[in-house]
Structures are given as structure tokens and as C-alpha cells.
Amino acid sequence: MPLWFARGLRRGIVTTRYPARPDGSSASLPTPPAFRLAALTRPVADRLCAACPNGALRRENDVLIFDVGACTACGRCADAAPEAVVPSGQFELASTDRSALIKRIPLAGAGR
């Protein structure tokens, strides 16, 4: 049992001070991707979709559909296209409306 856990139980501390004060360990959590719009082309979007093991990414014509609710932040999309994907830094994602978790991202060069 980690020492900090045992010490916390002895002192009666059963939780962190979150959300009043951010927990320092949150900086190391994996987060869903954010996309560099200028680098999102059809071939890049196809690579991203092929790399996603959960089906959180799919392409419909000139739009990349990103289902944040299905994303496990595995990082495979960032490995497949590092020029187009960066960590979002957001790990607190919740919604009472499922459709709010589905993002439609236009691809570069769409409509031209």
C-alpha cells in the first residue's frame, strides 16, 4: 500500500483538495487529442481513423467526426499523425447530452 495512502488514512484525509485546488498529478494524465486544423487533410484523417482502436474517429467527406465519449486517450492517433494531433490537456469531460461529445472538425482544403 502506498505510503501516502496509509498516511492519509491515519490522519483522516480521505480525498484530495480537488476541485478547490488542482491536484498536481493531473498534469501527467493522458488526455483526448486536440487537432491542428491546418494539418488535417483527407489522407491524414484516414490515417487517424485507421489508427483509432475504439472507432472514436471517422471521416465523412470533408469532416472528421471525433466522438470524445468513445476516446480512451490511448495516443495512437498522435503516433499515426504527430503533425496533426496534440494532447488537449483536458481530462474533465462530461455532459448530460451525448451529442455534445461528438465534434465535427472540418478538414483543411474542404470546400475549395
N, C-alpha and C. Protein backbone atom coordinates (compact mmCIF):
# COMPACT_ATOMS: atom_id res chain seq x y z
N MET A 1 0.85 -1.17 0.00
CA MET A 1 0.00 0.00 0.00
C MET A 1 0.90 1.24 0.00
N PRO A 2 0.64 2.16 -0.92
CA PRO A 2 1.48 3.36 -0.97
C PRO A 2 1.48 4.10 0.37
N LEU A 3 2.63 4.62 0.70
CA LEU A 3 2.81 5.31 1.96
C LEU A 3 1.86 6.50 2.12
N TRP A 4 1.66 7.28 1.05
CA TRP A 4 0.79 8.45 1.14
C TRP A 4 -0.64 8.05 1.46
N PHE A 5 -1.07 6.89 0.98
CA PHE A 5 -2.42 6.41 1.23
C PHE A 5 -2.59 6.05 2.71
N ALA A 6 -1.63 5.30 3.24
CA ALA A 6 -1.68 4.92 4.65
C ALA A 6 -1.61 6.14 5.55
N ARG A 7 -0.74 7.10 5.21
CA ARG A 7 -0.62 8.32 6.00
C ARG A 7 -1.93 9.11 5.98
N GLY A 8 -2.56 9.19 4.84
CA GLY A 8 -3.83 9.89 4.72
C GLY A 8 -4.93 9.25 5.56
N LEU A 9 -4.97 7.92 5.56
CA LEU A 9 -5.97 7.24 6.37
C LEU A 9 -5.72 7.48 7.86
N ARG A 10 -4.46 7.44 8.28
CA ARG A 10 -4.14 7.69 9.69
C ARG A 10 -4.56 9.10 10.11
N ARG A 11 -4.38 10.06 9.22
CA ARG A 11 -4.71 11.45 9.55
C ARG A 11 -6.18 11.79 9.30
N GLY A 12 -6.91 10.87 8.73
CA GLY A 12 -8.32 11.11 8.45
C GLY A 12 -8.58 11.82 7.13
N ILE A 13 -7.56 11.89 6.28
CA ILE A 13 -7.72 12.52 4.96
C ILE A 13 -8.15 11.42 3.99
N VAL A 14 -9.33 11.57 3.44
CA VAL A 14 -9.83 10.53 2.54
C VAL A 14 -9.97 11.02 1.10
N THR A 15 -9.64 12.26 0.84
CA THR A 15 -9.73 12.78 -0.52
C THR A 15 -8.70 13.90 -0.70
N THR A 16 -8.51 14.31 -1.91
CA THR A 16 -7.62 15.45 -2.16
C THR A 16 -8.42 16.74 -2.00
N ARG A 17 -7.78 17.84 -2.20
CA ARG A 17 -8.47 19.13 -2.10
C ARG A 17 -9.14 19.52 -3.42
N TYR A 18 -9.16 18.61 -4.35
CA TYR A 18 -9.78 18.84 -5.64
C TYR A 18 -11.28 18.99 -5.45
N PRO A 19 -11.99 19.87 -6.11
CA PRO A 19 -11.60 20.78 -7.18
C PRO A 19 -11.19 22.17 -6.70
N ALA A 20 -11.21 22.41 -5.41
CA ALA A 20 -10.81 23.73 -4.91
C ALA A 20 -9.38 24.06 -5.29
N ARG A 21 -8.51 23.06 -5.31
CA ARG A 21 -7.13 23.24 -5.71
C ARG A 21 -6.76 22.08 -6.63
N PRO A 22 -6.28 22.35 -7.82
CA PRO A 22 -5.94 21.27 -8.74
C PRO A 22 -4.94 20.30 -8.15
N ASP A 23 -5.13 19.04 -8.44
CA ASP A 23 -4.21 18.01 -7.99
C ASP A 23 -3.00 18.01 -8.92
N GLY A 24 -1.81 18.01 -8.37
CA GLY A 24 -0.59 18.07 -9.16
C GLY A 24 -0.42 16.90 -10.11
N SER A 25 -1.00 15.76 -9.78
CA SER A 25 -0.83 14.59 -10.64
C SER A 25 -1.64 14.69 -11.93
N SER A 26 -2.57 15.63 -12.01
CA SER A 26 -3.39 15.74 -13.22
C SER A 26 -2.57 16.10 -14.45
N ALA A 27 -1.41 16.71 -14.27
CA ALA A 27 -0.57 17.09 -15.42
C ALA A 27 -0.04 15.88 -16.15
N SER A 28 0.03 14.73 -15.49
CA SER A 28 0.58 13.54 -16.13
C SER A 28 -0.50 12.60 -16.67
N LEU A 29 -1.77 12.98 -16.56
CA LEU A 29 -2.84 12.13 -17.05
C LEU A 29 -2.91 12.16 -18.58
N PRO A 30 -3.21 11.03 -19.21
CA PRO A 30 -3.43 11.07 -20.66
C PRO A 30 -4.74 11.79 -20.95
N THR A 31 -4.75 12.58 -22.00
CA THR A 31 -5.95 13.34 -22.34
C THR A 31 -6.33 13.09 -23.80
N PRO A 32 -7.60 13.30 -24.14
CA PRO A 32 -8.00 13.15 -25.53
C PRO A 32 -7.23 14.11 -26.43
N PRO A 33 -7.21 13.83 -27.72
CA PRO A 33 -6.44 14.68 -28.63
C PRO A 33 -7.12 16.00 -28.94
N ALA A 34 -6.29 16.94 -29.34
CA ALA A 34 -6.74 18.18 -29.98
C ALA A 34 -6.09 18.15 -31.36
N PHE A 35 -6.69 18.80 -32.31
CA PHE A 35 -6.23 18.68 -33.70
C PHE A 35 -5.75 20.02 -34.23
N ARG A 36 -4.64 19.98 -34.97
CA ARG A 36 -4.15 21.16 -35.69
C ARG A 36 -4.90 21.21 -37.02
N LEU A 37 -5.79 22.15 -37.13
CA LEU A 37 -6.69 22.19 -38.28
C LEU A 37 -5.96 22.31 -39.60
N ALA A 38 -4.88 23.06 -39.66
CA ALA A 38 -4.15 23.25 -40.91
C ALA A 38 -3.54 21.95 -41.41
N ALA A 39 -3.28 21.01 -40.52
CA ALA A 39 -2.64 19.74 -40.91
C ALA A 39 -3.65 18.63 -41.18
N LEU A 40 -4.94 18.89 -40.95
CA LEU A 40 -5.95 17.85 -41.15
C LEU A 40 -6.42 17.82 -42.61
N THR A 41 -5.89 16.90 -43.36
CA THR A 41 -6.30 16.69 -44.74
C THR A 41 -7.00 15.34 -44.81
N ARG A 42 -7.55 15.01 -45.96
CA ARG A 42 -8.21 13.71 -46.11
C ARG A 42 -7.26 12.54 -45.82
N PRO A 43 -6.05 12.52 -46.40
CA PRO A 43 -5.15 11.40 -46.10
C PRO A 43 -4.77 11.31 -44.62
N VAL A 44 -4.56 12.44 -43.98
CA VAL A 44 -4.23 12.44 -42.56
C VAL A 44 -5.42 11.94 -41.75
N ALA A 45 -6.62 12.42 -42.08
CA ALA A 45 -7.82 11.97 -41.38
C ALA A 45 -8.03 10.47 -41.54
N ASP A 46 -7.76 9.94 -42.72
CA ASP A 46 -7.88 8.50 -42.95
C ASP A 46 -6.87 7.72 -42.10
N ARG A 47 -5.64 8.26 -41.98
CA ARG A 47 -4.63 7.62 -41.11
C ARG A 47 -5.09 7.63 -39.66
N LEU A 48 -5.65 8.74 -39.22
CA LEU A 48 -6.14 8.84 -37.84
C LEU A 48 -7.26 7.83 -37.58
N CYS A 49 -8.19 7.74 -38.50
CA CYS A 49 -9.32 6.81 -38.34
C CYS A 49 -8.84 5.37 -38.30
N ALA A 50 -7.87 5.04 -39.14
CA ALA A 50 -7.34 3.67 -39.16
C ALA A 50 -6.59 3.34 -37.88
N ALA A 51 -5.99 4.33 -37.25
CA ALA A 51 -5.20 4.09 -36.03
C ALA A 51 -6.06 3.96 -34.78
N CYS A 52 -7.27 4.49 -34.80
CA CYS A 52 -8.11 4.53 -33.59
C CYS A 52 -8.74 3.16 -33.34
N PRO A 53 -8.39 2.50 -32.22
CA PRO A 53 -8.92 1.17 -31.95
C PRO A 53 -10.36 1.19 -31.44
N ASN A 54 -10.88 2.35 -31.05
CA ASN A 54 -12.22 2.43 -30.46
C ASN A 54 -13.28 3.00 -31.39
N GLY A 55 -12.89 3.39 -32.58
CA GLY A 55 -13.85 3.98 -33.50
C GLY A 55 -14.27 5.39 -33.09
N ALA A 56 -13.45 6.07 -32.32
CA ALA A 56 -13.77 7.43 -31.88
C ALA A 56 -13.57 8.44 -33.00
N LEU A 57 -12.86 8.05 -34.05
CA LEU A 57 -12.61 8.92 -35.19
C LEU A 57 -13.16 8.28 -36.46
N ARG A 58 -13.87 9.08 -37.23
CA ARG A 58 -14.31 8.62 -38.56
C ARG A 58 -14.41 9.84 -39.47
N ARG A 59 -14.29 9.58 -40.75
CA ARG A 59 -14.35 10.69 -41.71
C ARG A 59 -15.61 10.57 -42.53
N GLU A 60 -16.32 11.69 -42.67
CA GLU A 60 -17.47 11.78 -43.57
C GLU A 60 -17.18 12.91 -44.54
N ASN A 61 -16.83 12.54 -45.75
CA ASN A 61 -16.46 13.51 -46.79
C ASN A 61 -15.34 14.42 -46.29
N ASP A 62 -15.60 15.70 -46.13
CA ASP A 62 -14.56 16.65 -45.72
C ASP A 62 -14.68 17.05 -44.25
N VAL A 63 -15.19 16.14 -43.42
CA VAL A 63 -15.35 16.40 -41.99
C VAL A 63 -14.83 15.20 -41.21
N LEU A 64 -14.01 15.47 -40.19
CA LEU A 64 -13.56 14.44 -39.27
C LEU A 64 -14.52 14.45 -38.08
N ILE A 65 -15.13 13.31 -37.81
CA ILE A 65 -16.05 13.18 -36.69
C ILE A 65 -15.27 12.59 -35.53
N PHE A 66 -15.22 13.31 -34.41
CA PHE A 66 -14.48 12.88 -33.23
C PHE A 66 -15.47 12.66 -32.09
N ASP A 67 -15.62 11.42 -31.67
CA ASP A 67 -16.51 11.06 -30.57
C ASP A 67 -15.69 11.03 -29.29
N VAL A 68 -15.73 12.12 -28.55
CA VAL A 68 -14.94 12.25 -27.33
C VAL A 68 -15.35 11.19 -26.30
N GLY A 69 -16.61 10.81 -26.30
CA GLY A 69 -17.10 9.81 -25.35
C GLY A 69 -16.54 8.43 -25.61
N ALA A 70 -16.12 8.15 -26.82
CA ALA A 70 -15.55 6.83 -27.15
C ALA A 70 -14.03 6.83 -27.05
N CYS A 71 -13.43 7.99 -26.96
CA CYS A 71 -11.97 8.11 -26.92
C CYS A 71 -11.43 7.67 -25.56
N THR A 72 -10.40 6.82 -25.58
CA THR A 72 -9.76 6.38 -24.34
C THR A 72 -8.42 7.05 -24.11
N ALA A 73 -8.08 8.03 -24.95
CA ALA A 73 -6.82 8.77 -24.85
C ALA A 73 -5.62 7.84 -24.91
N CYS A 74 -5.69 6.86 -25.81
CA CYS A 74 -4.60 5.89 -25.93
C CYS A 74 -3.36 6.47 -26.60
N GLY A 75 -3.53 7.53 -27.41
CA GLY A 75 -2.41 8.18 -28.05
C GLY A 75 -2.02 7.60 -29.41
N ARG A 76 -2.76 6.62 -29.90
CA ARG A 76 -2.40 6.02 -31.20
C ARG A 76 -2.60 7.00 -32.35
N CYS A 77 -3.56 7.89 -32.23
CA CYS A 77 -3.75 8.89 -33.28
C CYS A 77 -2.55 9.84 -33.33
N ALA A 78 -2.03 10.21 -32.17
CA ALA A 78 -0.85 11.08 -32.12
C ALA A 78 0.37 10.38 -32.70
N ASP A 79 0.47 9.07 -32.50
CA ASP A 79 1.57 8.31 -33.09
C ASP A 79 1.43 8.23 -34.61
N ALA A 80 0.19 8.12 -35.10
CA ALA A 80 -0.05 7.98 -36.53
C ALA A 80 0.13 9.29 -37.29
N ALA A 81 -0.18 10.41 -36.64
CA ALA A 81 -0.07 11.71 -37.32
C ALA A 81 0.35 12.79 -36.32
N PRO A 82 1.61 12.76 -35.90
CA PRO A 82 2.06 13.74 -34.90
C PRO A 82 2.00 15.18 -35.39
N GLU A 83 1.97 15.37 -36.70
CA GLU A 83 1.88 16.73 -37.24
C GLU A 83 0.48 17.32 -37.07
N ALA A 84 -0.52 16.47 -36.82
CA ALA A 84 -1.90 16.93 -36.75
C ALA A 84 -2.54 16.79 -35.38
N VAL A 85 -1.90 16.07 -34.47
CA VAL A 85 -2.52 15.77 -33.17
C VAL A 85 -1.62 16.21 -32.02
N VAL A 86 -2.22 16.86 -31.04
CA VAL A 86 -1.54 17.23 -29.80
C VAL A 86 -2.45 16.86 -28.64
N PRO A 87 -1.91 16.65 -27.45
CA PRO A 87 -2.77 16.40 -26.30
C PRO A 87 -3.61 17.64 -25.98
N SER A 88 -4.86 17.44 -25.64
CA SER A 88 -5.73 18.58 -25.34
C SER A 88 -5.48 19.15 -23.95
N GLY A 89 -4.99 18.32 -23.04
CA GLY A 89 -4.80 18.77 -21.67
C GLY A 89 -6.08 18.79 -20.86
N GLN A 90 -7.19 18.39 -21.46
CA GLN A 90 -8.48 18.37 -20.76
C GLN A 90 -8.83 16.94 -20.41
N PHE A 91 -8.95 16.68 -19.12
CA PHE A 91 -9.33 15.34 -18.72
C PHE A 91 -10.69 15.31 -18.05
N GLU A 92 -11.26 16.46 -17.78
CA GLU A 92 -12.59 16.54 -17.17
C GLU A 92 -13.61 16.75 -18.28
N LEU A 93 -14.13 15.69 -18.79
CA LEU A 93 -15.09 15.77 -19.88
C LEU A 93 -16.37 15.06 -19.45
N ALA A 94 -17.44 15.80 -19.38
CA ALA A 94 -18.72 15.22 -19.01
C ALA A 94 -19.83 16.03 -19.67
N SER A 95 -20.94 15.37 -19.91
CA SER A 95 -22.08 16.04 -20.49
C SER A 95 -23.33 15.24 -20.18
N THR A 96 -24.43 15.93 -20.03
CA THR A 96 -25.70 15.24 -19.85
C THR A 96 -26.34 14.95 -21.20
N ASP A 97 -25.75 15.50 -22.25
CA ASP A 97 -26.26 15.31 -23.61
C ASP A 97 -25.18 14.60 -24.44
N ARG A 98 -25.44 13.37 -24.84
CA ARG A 98 -24.45 12.57 -25.57
C ARG A 98 -23.96 13.27 -26.83
N SER A 99 -24.83 13.99 -27.51
CA SER A 99 -24.44 14.64 -28.76
C SER A 99 -23.40 15.75 -28.53
N ALA A 100 -23.29 16.26 -27.32
CA ALA A 100 -22.31 17.29 -27.02
C ALA A 100 -20.88 16.74 -27.04
N LEU A 101 -20.74 15.42 -26.99
CA LEU A 101 -19.42 14.79 -27.00
C LEU A 101 -18.96 14.43 -28.41
N ILE A 102 -19.76 14.75 -29.41
CA ILE A 102 -19.40 14.44 -30.79
C ILE A 102 -19.02 15.75 -31.49
N LYS A 103 -17.76 15.82 -31.91
CA LYS A 103 -17.22 17.03 -32.53
C LYS A 103 -17.08 16.82 -34.03
N ARG A 104 -17.48 17.81 -34.79
CA ARG A 104 -17.35 17.79 -36.25
C ARG A 104 -16.25 18.79 -36.62
N ILE A 105 -15.15 18.27 -37.15
CA ILE A 105 -13.97 19.08 -37.43
C ILE A 105 -13.76 19.15 -38.95
N PRO A 106 -13.87 20.34 -39.55
CA PRO A 106 -13.68 20.44 -41.00
C PRO A 106 -12.21 20.18 -41.36
N LEU A 107 -12.02 19.50 -42.47
CA LEU A 107 -10.67 19.19 -42.93
C LEU A 107 -10.11 20.36 -43.72
N ALA A 108 -8.79 20.47 -43.71
CA ALA A 108 -8.11 21.52 -44.45
C ALA A 108 -8.37 21.35 -45.95
N GLY A 109 -8.64 22.44 -46.61
CA GLY A 109 -8.91 22.41 -48.04
C GLY A 109 -10.34 22.03 -48.37
N ALA A 110 -11.20 21.83 -47.37
CA ALA A 110 -12.60 21.47 -47.63
C ALA A 110 -13.34 22.64 -48.25
N GLY A 111 -14.14 22.35 -49.22
CA GLY A 111 -14.97 23.36 -49.86
C GLY A 111 -14.23 24.26 -50.83
N ARG A 112 -13.02 23.88 -51.19
CA ARG A 112 -12.25 24.73 -52.13
C ARG A 112 -12.27 24.14 -53.50
